[in-house]
Amino acid sequence: RDEPENITGVIHAKDLLRATYKAISG
């Protein structure tokens, strides 16, 4: 966030797809 040095987290593609599917079709 804001700059590449400021790492706030790590996203896993599977977790992202699962969350987006739940938000749209769940």
PDB file of all heavy atoms in Angstrom:
ATOM      1  N   ARG A   1       0.857  -1.189   0.000  1.00  0.00           N
ATOM      2  CA  ARG A   1       0.000   0.000   0.000  1.00  0.00           C
ATOM      3  C   ARG A   1       0.893   1.239   0.000  1.00  0.00           C
ATOM      4  O   ARG A   1       1.876   1.313   0.743  1.00  0.00           O
ATOM      5  CB  ARG A   1      -0.912   0.010   1.234  1.00  0.00           C
ATOM      6  CG  ARG A   1      -2.040   1.044   1.172  1.00  0.00           C
ATOM      7  CD  ARG A   1      -2.933   0.944   2.403  1.00  0.00           C
ATOM      8  NE  ARG A   1      -3.639  -0.313   2.454  1.00  0.00           N
ATOM      9  CZ  ARG A   1      -4.789  -0.548   1.813  1.00  0.00           C
ATOM     10  NH1 ARG A   1      -5.346   0.389   1.064  1.00  0.00           N
ATOM     11  NH2 ARG A   1      -5.369  -1.748   1.927  1.00  0.00           N
ATOM     12  N   ASP A   2       0.580   2.168  -0.863  1.00  0.00           N
ATOM     13  CA  ASP A   2       1.295   3.436  -1.020  1.00  0.00           C
ATOM     14  C   ASP A   2       2.629   3.251  -1.741  1.00  0.00           C
ATOM     15  O   ASP A   2       2.889   3.905  -2.744  1.00  0.00           O
ATOM     16  CB  ASP A   2       1.516   4.140   0.333  1.00  0.00           C
ATOM     17  CG  ASP A   2       0.191   4.471   1.007  1.00  0.00           C
ATOM     18  OD1 ASP A   2      -0.800   4.704   0.292  1.00  0.00           O
ATOM     19  OD2 ASP A   2       0.158   4.483   2.257  1.00  0.00           O
ATOM     20  N   GLU A   3       3.513   2.377  -1.235  1.00  0.00           N
ATOM     21  CA  GLU A   3       4.806   2.161  -1.867  1.00  0.00           C
ATOM     22  C   GLU A   3       5.198   0.686  -1.735  1.00  0.00           C
ATOM     23  O   GLU A   3       4.777   0.008  -0.783  1.00  0.00           O
ATOM     24  CB  GLU A   3       5.880   3.045  -1.242  1.00  0.00           C
ATOM     25  CG  GLU A   3       6.078   2.834   0.245  1.00  0.00           C
ATOM     26  CD  GLU A   3       7.148   3.730   0.817  1.00  0.00           C
ATOM     27  OE1 GLU A   3       7.584   4.667   0.118  1.00  0.00           O
ATOM     28  OE2 GLU A   3       7.583   3.475   1.966  1.00  0.00           O
ATOM     29  N   PRO A   4       6.002   0.157  -2.679  1.00  0.00           N
ATOM     30  CA  PRO A   4       6.356  -1.266  -2.648  1.00  0.00           C
ATOM     31  C   PRO A   4       7.061  -1.717  -1.384  1.00  0.00           C
ATOM     32  O   PRO A   4       7.028  -2.893  -1.046  1.00  0.00           O
ATOM     33  CB  PRO A   4       7.274  -1.411  -3.878  1.00  0.00           C
ATOM     34  CG  PRO A   4       6.849  -0.316  -4.801  1.00  0.00           C
ATOM     35  CD  PRO A   4       6.460   0.825  -3.917  1.00  0.00           C
ATOM     36  N   GLU A   5       7.726  -0.813  -0.717  1.00  0.00           N
ATOM     37  CA  GLU A   5       8.411  -1.183   0.514  1.00  0.00           C
ATOM     38  C   GLU A   5       7.434  -1.510   1.647  1.00  0.00           C
ATOM     39  O   GLU A   5       7.772  -2.257   2.558  1.00  0.00           O
ATOM     40  CB  GLU A   5       9.338  -0.054   0.969  1.00  0.00           C
ATOM     41  CG  GLU A   5      10.579   0.121   0.122  1.00  0.00           C
ATOM     42  CD  GLU A   5      11.649  -0.915   0.431  1.00  0.00           C
ATOM     43  OE1 GLU A   5      11.567  -1.529   1.510  1.00  0.00           O
ATOM     44  OE2 GLU A   5      12.545  -1.116  -0.393  1.00  0.00           O
ATOM     45  N   ASN A   6       6.219  -0.960   1.555  1.00  0.00           N
ATOM     46  CA  ASN A   6       5.224  -1.124   2.612  1.00  0.00           C
ATOM     47  C   ASN A   6       4.354  -2.348   2.329  1.00  0.00           C
ATOM     48  O   ASN A   6       3.234  -2.240   1.844  1.00  0.00           O
ATOM     49  CB  ASN A   6       4.371   0.137   2.733  1.00  0.00           C
ATOM     50  CG  ASN A   6       3.391   0.060   3.890  1.00  0.00           C
ATOM     51  OD1 ASN A   6       3.630  -0.620   4.888  1.00  0.00           O
ATOM     52  ND2 ASN A   6       2.268   0.761   3.773  1.00  0.00           N
ATOM     53  N   ILE A   7       4.883  -3.524   2.620  1.00  0.00           N
ATOM     54  CA  ILE A   7       4.155  -4.772   2.401  1.00  0.00           C
ATOM     55  C   ILE A   7       3.156  -4.971   3.535  1.00  0.00           C
ATOM     56  O   ILE A   7       3.539  -5.015   4.716  1.00  0.00           O
ATOM     57  CB  ILE A   7       5.106  -5.973   2.310  1.00  0.00           C
ATOM     58  CG1 ILE A   7       6.153  -5.758   1.220  1.00  0.00           C
ATOM     59  CG2 ILE A   7       4.323  -7.251   2.052  1.00  0.00           C
ATOM     60  CD1 ILE A   7       5.602  -5.675  -0.162  1.00  0.00           C
ATOM     61  N   THR A   8       1.888  -5.093   3.184  1.00  0.00           N
ATOM     62  CA  THR A   8       0.846  -5.251   4.195  1.00  0.00           C
ATOM     63  C   THR A   8       0.324  -6.675   4.313  1.00  0.00           C
ATOM     64  O   THR A   8      -0.363  -7.007   5.274  1.00  0.00           O
ATOM     65  CB  THR A   8      -0.336  -4.312   3.886  1.00  0.00           C
ATOM     66  OG1 THR A   8      -0.870  -4.624   2.588  1.00  0.00           O
ATOM     67  CG2 THR A   8       0.130  -2.858   3.920  1.00  0.00           C
ATOM     68  N   GLY A   9       0.589  -7.504   3.328  1.00  0.00           N
ATOM     69  CA  GLY A   9       0.095  -8.867   3.389  1.00  0.00           C
ATOM     70  C   GLY A   9       0.524  -9.663   2.166  1.00  0.00           C
ATOM     71  O   GLY A   9       1.215  -9.164   1.276  1.00  0.00           O
ATOM     72  N   VAL A  10       0.089 -10.913   2.134  1.00  0.00           N
ATOM     73  CA  VAL A  10       0.357 -11.812   1.009  1.00  0.00           C
ATOM     74  C   VAL A  10      -0.961 -12.453   0.611  1.00  0.00           C
ATOM     75  O   VAL A  10      -1.661 -13.017   1.461  1.00  0.00           O
ATOM     76  CB  VAL A  10       1.392 -12.888   1.373  1.00  0.00           C
ATOM     77  CG1 VAL A  10       1.569 -13.858   0.210  1.00  0.00           C
ATOM     78  CG2 VAL A  10       2.725 -12.257   1.744  1.00  0.00           C
ATOM     79  N   ILE A  11      -1.295 -12.348  -0.661  1.00  0.00           N
ATOM     80  CA  ILE A  11      -2.550 -12.901  -1.150  1.00  0.00           C
ATOM     81  C   ILE A  11      -2.300 -14.227  -1.860  1.00  0.00           C
ATOM     82  O   ILE A  11      -1.356 -14.362  -2.660  1.00  0.00           O
ATOM     83  CB  ILE A  11      -3.252 -11.903  -2.099  1.00  0.00           C
ATOM     84  CG1 ILE A  11      -4.688 -12.354  -2.377  1.00  0.00           C
ATOM     85  CG2 ILE A  11      -2.499 -11.727  -3.384  1.00  0.00           C
ATOM     86  CD1 ILE A  11      -5.586 -12.191  -1.191  1.00  0.00           C
ATOM     87  N   HIS A  12      -3.110 -15.228  -1.537  1.00  0.00           N
ATOM     88  CA  HIS A  12      -3.083 -16.505  -2.225  1.00  0.00           C
ATOM     89  C   HIS A  12      -4.213 -16.514  -3.245  1.00  0.00           C
ATOM     90  O   HIS A  12      -5.358 -16.168  -2.921  1.00  0.00           O
ATOM     91  CB  HIS A  12      -3.240 -17.653  -1.240  1.00  0.00           C
ATOM     92  CG  HIS A  12      -2.859 -18.993  -1.794  1.00  0.00           C
ATOM     93  ND1 HIS A  12      -3.572 -19.613  -2.789  1.00  0.00           N
ATOM     94  CD2 HIS A  12      -1.836 -19.831  -1.490  1.00  0.00           C
ATOM     95  CE1 HIS A  12      -3.007 -20.769  -3.091  1.00  0.00           C
ATOM     96  NE2 HIS A  12      -1.946 -20.923  -2.322  1.00  0.00           N
ATOM     97  N   ALA A  13      -3.889 -16.879  -4.488  1.00  0.00           N
ATOM     98  CA  ALA A  13      -4.882 -16.827  -5.556  1.00  0.00           C
ATOM     99  C   ALA A  13      -6.125 -17.638  -5.222  1.00  0.00           C
ATOM    100  O   ALA A  13      -7.248 -17.216  -5.509  1.00  0.00           O
ATOM    101  CB  ALA A  13      -4.261 -17.317  -6.867  1.00  0.00           C
ATOM    102  N   LYS A  14      -5.945 -18.778  -4.582  1.00  0.00           N
ATOM    103  CA  LYS A  14      -7.082 -19.613  -4.239  1.00  0.00           C
ATOM    104  C   LYS A  14      -7.973 -18.934  -3.205  1.00  0.00           C
ATOM    105  O   LYS A  14      -9.210 -18.988  -3.299  1.00  0.00           O
ATOM    106  CB  LYS A  14      -6.599 -20.965  -3.716  1.00  0.00           C
ATOM    107  CG  LYS A  14      -7.703 -21.996  -3.558  1.00  0.00           C
ATOM    108  CD  LYS A  14      -7.123 -23.350  -3.186  1.00  0.00           C
ATOM    109  CE  LYS A  14      -8.236 -24.393  -3.069  1.00  0.00           C
ATOM    110  NZ  LYS A  14      -7.685 -25.732  -2.720  1.00  0.00           N
ATOM    111  N   ASP A  15      -7.335 -18.281  -2.211  1.00  0.00           N
ATOM    112  CA  ASP A  15      -8.120 -17.560  -1.208  1.00  0.00           C
ATOM    113  C   ASP A  15      -8.884 -16.399  -1.850  1.00  0.00           C
ATOM    114  O   ASP A  15     -10.038 -16.130  -1.494  1.00  0.00           O
ATOM    115  CB  ASP A  15      -7.205 -17.027  -0.105  1.00  0.00           C
ATOM    116  CG  ASP A  15      -6.589 -18.136   0.729  1.00  0.00           C
ATOM    117  OD1 ASP A  15      -7.185 -19.233   0.786  1.00  0.00           O
ATOM    118  OD2 ASP A  15      -5.509 -17.911   1.328  1.00  0.00           O
ATOM    119  N   LEU A  16      -8.240 -15.710  -2.795  1.00  0.00           N
ATOM    120  CA  LEU A  16      -8.887 -14.581  -3.464  1.00  0.00           C
ATOM    121  C   LEU A  16     -10.081 -15.046  -4.290  1.00  0.00           C
ATOM    122  O   LEU A  16     -11.163 -14.444  -4.232  1.00  0.00           O
ATOM    123  CB  LEU A  16      -7.877 -13.848  -4.341  1.00  0.00           C
ATOM    124  CG  LEU A  16      -8.415 -12.664  -5.141  1.00  0.00           C
ATOM    125  CD1 LEU A  16      -8.965 -11.581  -4.217  1.00  0.00           C
ATOM    126  CD2 LEU A  16      -7.313 -12.083  -6.042  1.00  0.00           C
ATOM    127  N   LEU A  17      -9.909 -16.105  -5.043  1.00  0.00           N
ATOM    128  CA  LEU A  17     -10.999 -16.610  -5.866  1.00  0.00           C
ATOM    129  C   LEU A  17     -12.143 -17.124  -5.002  1.00  0.00           C
ATOM    130  O   LEU A  17     -13.323 -16.922  -5.329  1.00  0.00           O
ATOM    131  CB  LEU A  17     -10.487 -17.718  -6.788  1.00  0.00           C
ATOM    132  CG  LEU A  17      -9.487 -17.274  -7.867  1.00  0.00           C
ATOM    133  CD1 LEU A  17      -8.985 -18.474  -8.654  1.00  0.00           C
ATOM    134  CD2 LEU A  17     -10.122 -16.249  -8.799  1.00  0.00           C
ATOM    135  N   ARG A  18     -11.808 -17.773  -3.913  1.00  0.00           N
ATOM    136  CA  ARG A  18     -12.842 -18.277  -3.020  1.00  0.00           C
ATOM    137  C   ARG A  18     -13.645 -17.112  -2.423  1.00  0.00           C
ATOM    138  O   ARG A  18     -14.879 -17.172  -2.328  1.00  0.00           O
ATOM    139  CB  ARG A  18     -12.213 -19.113  -1.903  1.00  0.00           C
ATOM    140  CG  ARG A  18     -13.243 -19.810  -1.026  1.00  0.00           C
ATOM    141  CD  ARG A  18     -12.588 -20.546   0.146  1.00  0.00           C
ATOM    142  NE  ARG A  18     -11.773 -21.664  -0.294  1.00  0.00           N
ATOM    143  CZ  ARG A  18     -10.451 -21.721  -0.201  1.00  0.00           C
ATOM    144  NH1 ARG A  18      -9.772 -20.694   0.319  1.00  0.00           N
ATOM    145  NH2 ARG A  18      -9.788 -22.772  -0.620  1.00  0.00           N
ATOM    146  N   ALA A  19     -12.941 -16.026  -2.022  1.00  0.00           N
ATOM    147  CA  ALA A  19     -13.611 -14.882  -1.414  1.00  0.00           C
ATOM    148  C   ALA A  19     -14.464 -14.128  -2.434  1.00  0.00           C
ATOM    149  O   ALA A  19     -15.594 -13.702  -2.128  1.00  0.00           O
ATOM    150  CB  ALA A  19     -12.582 -13.940  -0.792  1.00  0.00           C
ATOM    151  N   THR A  20     -13.949 -13.962  -3.655  1.00  0.00           N
ATOM    152  CA  THR A  20     -14.723 -13.260  -4.679  1.00  0.00           C
ATOM    153  C   THR A  20     -15.945 -14.064  -5.113  1.00  0.00           C
ATOM    154  O   THR A  20     -17.018 -13.509  -5.370  1.00  0.00           O
ATOM    155  CB  THR A  20     -13.833 -12.948  -5.889  1.00  0.00           C
ATOM    156  OG1 THR A  20     -13.219 -14.153  -6.372  1.00  0.00           O
ATOM    157  CG2 THR A  20     -12.762 -11.930  -5.519  1.00  0.00           C
ATOM    158  N   TYR A  21     -15.791 -15.364  -5.193  1.00  0.00           N
ATOM    159  CA  TYR A  21     -16.945 -16.206  -5.542  1.00  0.00           C
ATOM    160  C   TYR A  21     -18.023 -16.110  -4.465  1.00  0.00           C
ATOM    161  O   TYR A  21     -19.211 -16.027  -4.774  1.00  0.00           O
ATOM    162  CB  TYR A  21     -16.491 -17.653  -5.707  1.00  0.00           C
ATOM    163  CG  TYR A  21     -17.646 -18.610  -5.949  1.00  0.00           C
ATOM    164  CD1 TYR A  21     -18.221 -18.730  -7.213  1.00  0.00           C
ATOM    165  CD2 TYR A  21     -18.161 -19.383  -4.901  1.00  0.00           C
ATOM    166  CE1 TYR A  21     -19.281 -19.603  -7.428  1.00  0.00           C
ATOM    167  CE2 TYR A  21     -19.223 -20.239  -5.105  1.00  0.00           C
ATOM    168  CZ  TYR A  21     -19.777 -20.352  -6.375  1.00  0.00           C
ATOM    169  OH  TYR A  21     -20.843 -21.210  -6.582  1.00  0.00           O
ATOM    170  N   LYS A  22     -17.594 -16.103  -3.207  1.00  0.00           N
ATOM    171  CA  LYS A  22     -18.549 -15.992  -2.111  1.00  0.00           C
ATOM    172  C   LYS A  22     -19.259 -14.641  -2.141  1.00  0.00           C
ATOM    173  O   LYS A  22     -20.462 -14.541  -1.873  1.00  0.00           O
ATOM    174  CB  LYS A  22     -17.836 -16.185  -0.776  1.00  0.00           C
ATOM    175  CG  LYS A  22     -18.750 -16.130   0.431  1.00  0.00           C
ATOM    176  CD  LYS A  22     -17.968 -16.345   1.713  1.00  0.00           C
ATOM    177  CE  LYS A  22     -18.881 -16.264   2.928  1.00  0.00           C
ATOM    178  NZ  LYS A  22     -18.094 -16.441   4.205  1.00  0.00           N
ATOM    179  N   ALA A  23     -18.492 -13.574  -2.485  1.00  0.00           N
ATOM    180  CA  ALA A  23     -19.078 -12.238  -2.500  1.00  0.00           C
ATOM    181  C   ALA A  23     -20.059 -12.060  -3.646  1.00  0.00           C
ATOM    182  O   ALA A  23     -21.049 -11.325  -3.519  1.00  0.00           O
ATOM    183  CB  ALA A  23     -17.975 -11.183  -2.604  1.00  0.00           C
ATOM    184  N   ILE A  24     -19.832 -12.765  -4.768  1.00  0.00           N
ATOM    185  CA  ILE A  24     -20.684 -12.584  -5.939  1.00  0.00           C
ATOM    186  C   ILE A  24     -21.803 -13.609  -6.005  1.00  0.00           C
ATOM    187  O   ILE A  24     -22.978 -13.260  -6.158  1.00  0.00           O
ATOM    188  CB  ILE A  24     -19.833 -12.663  -7.229  1.00  0.00           C
ATOM    189  CG1 ILE A  24     -18.802 -11.523  -7.247  1.00  0.00           C
ATOM    190  CG2 ILE A  24     -20.723 -12.588  -8.466  1.00  0.00           C
ATOM    191  CD1 ILE A  24     -17.823 -11.621  -8.382  1.00  0.00           C
ATOM    192  N   SER A  25     -21.444 -14.894  -5.849  1.00  0.00           N
ATOM    193  CA  SER A  25     -22.413 -15.959  -6.066  1.00  0.00           C
ATOM    194  C   SER A  25     -22.811 -16.711  -4.812  1.00  0.00           C
ATOM    195  O   SER A  25     -23.699 -17.571  -4.870  1.00  0.00           O
ATOM    196  CB  SER A  25     -21.852 -16.958  -7.095  1.00  0.00           C
ATOM    197  OG  SER A  25     -21.510 -16.320  -8.299  1.00  0.00           O
ATOM    198  N   GLY A  26     -22.183 -16.438  -3.707  1.00  0.00           N
ATOM    199  CA  GLY A  26     -22.493 -17.154  -2.491  1.00  0.00           C
ATOM    200  C   GLY A  26     -23.775 -16.672  -1.845  1.00  0.00           C
ATOM    201  O   GLY A  26     -24.456 -15.758  -2.367  1.00  0.00           O
TER     202      GLY A  26
END
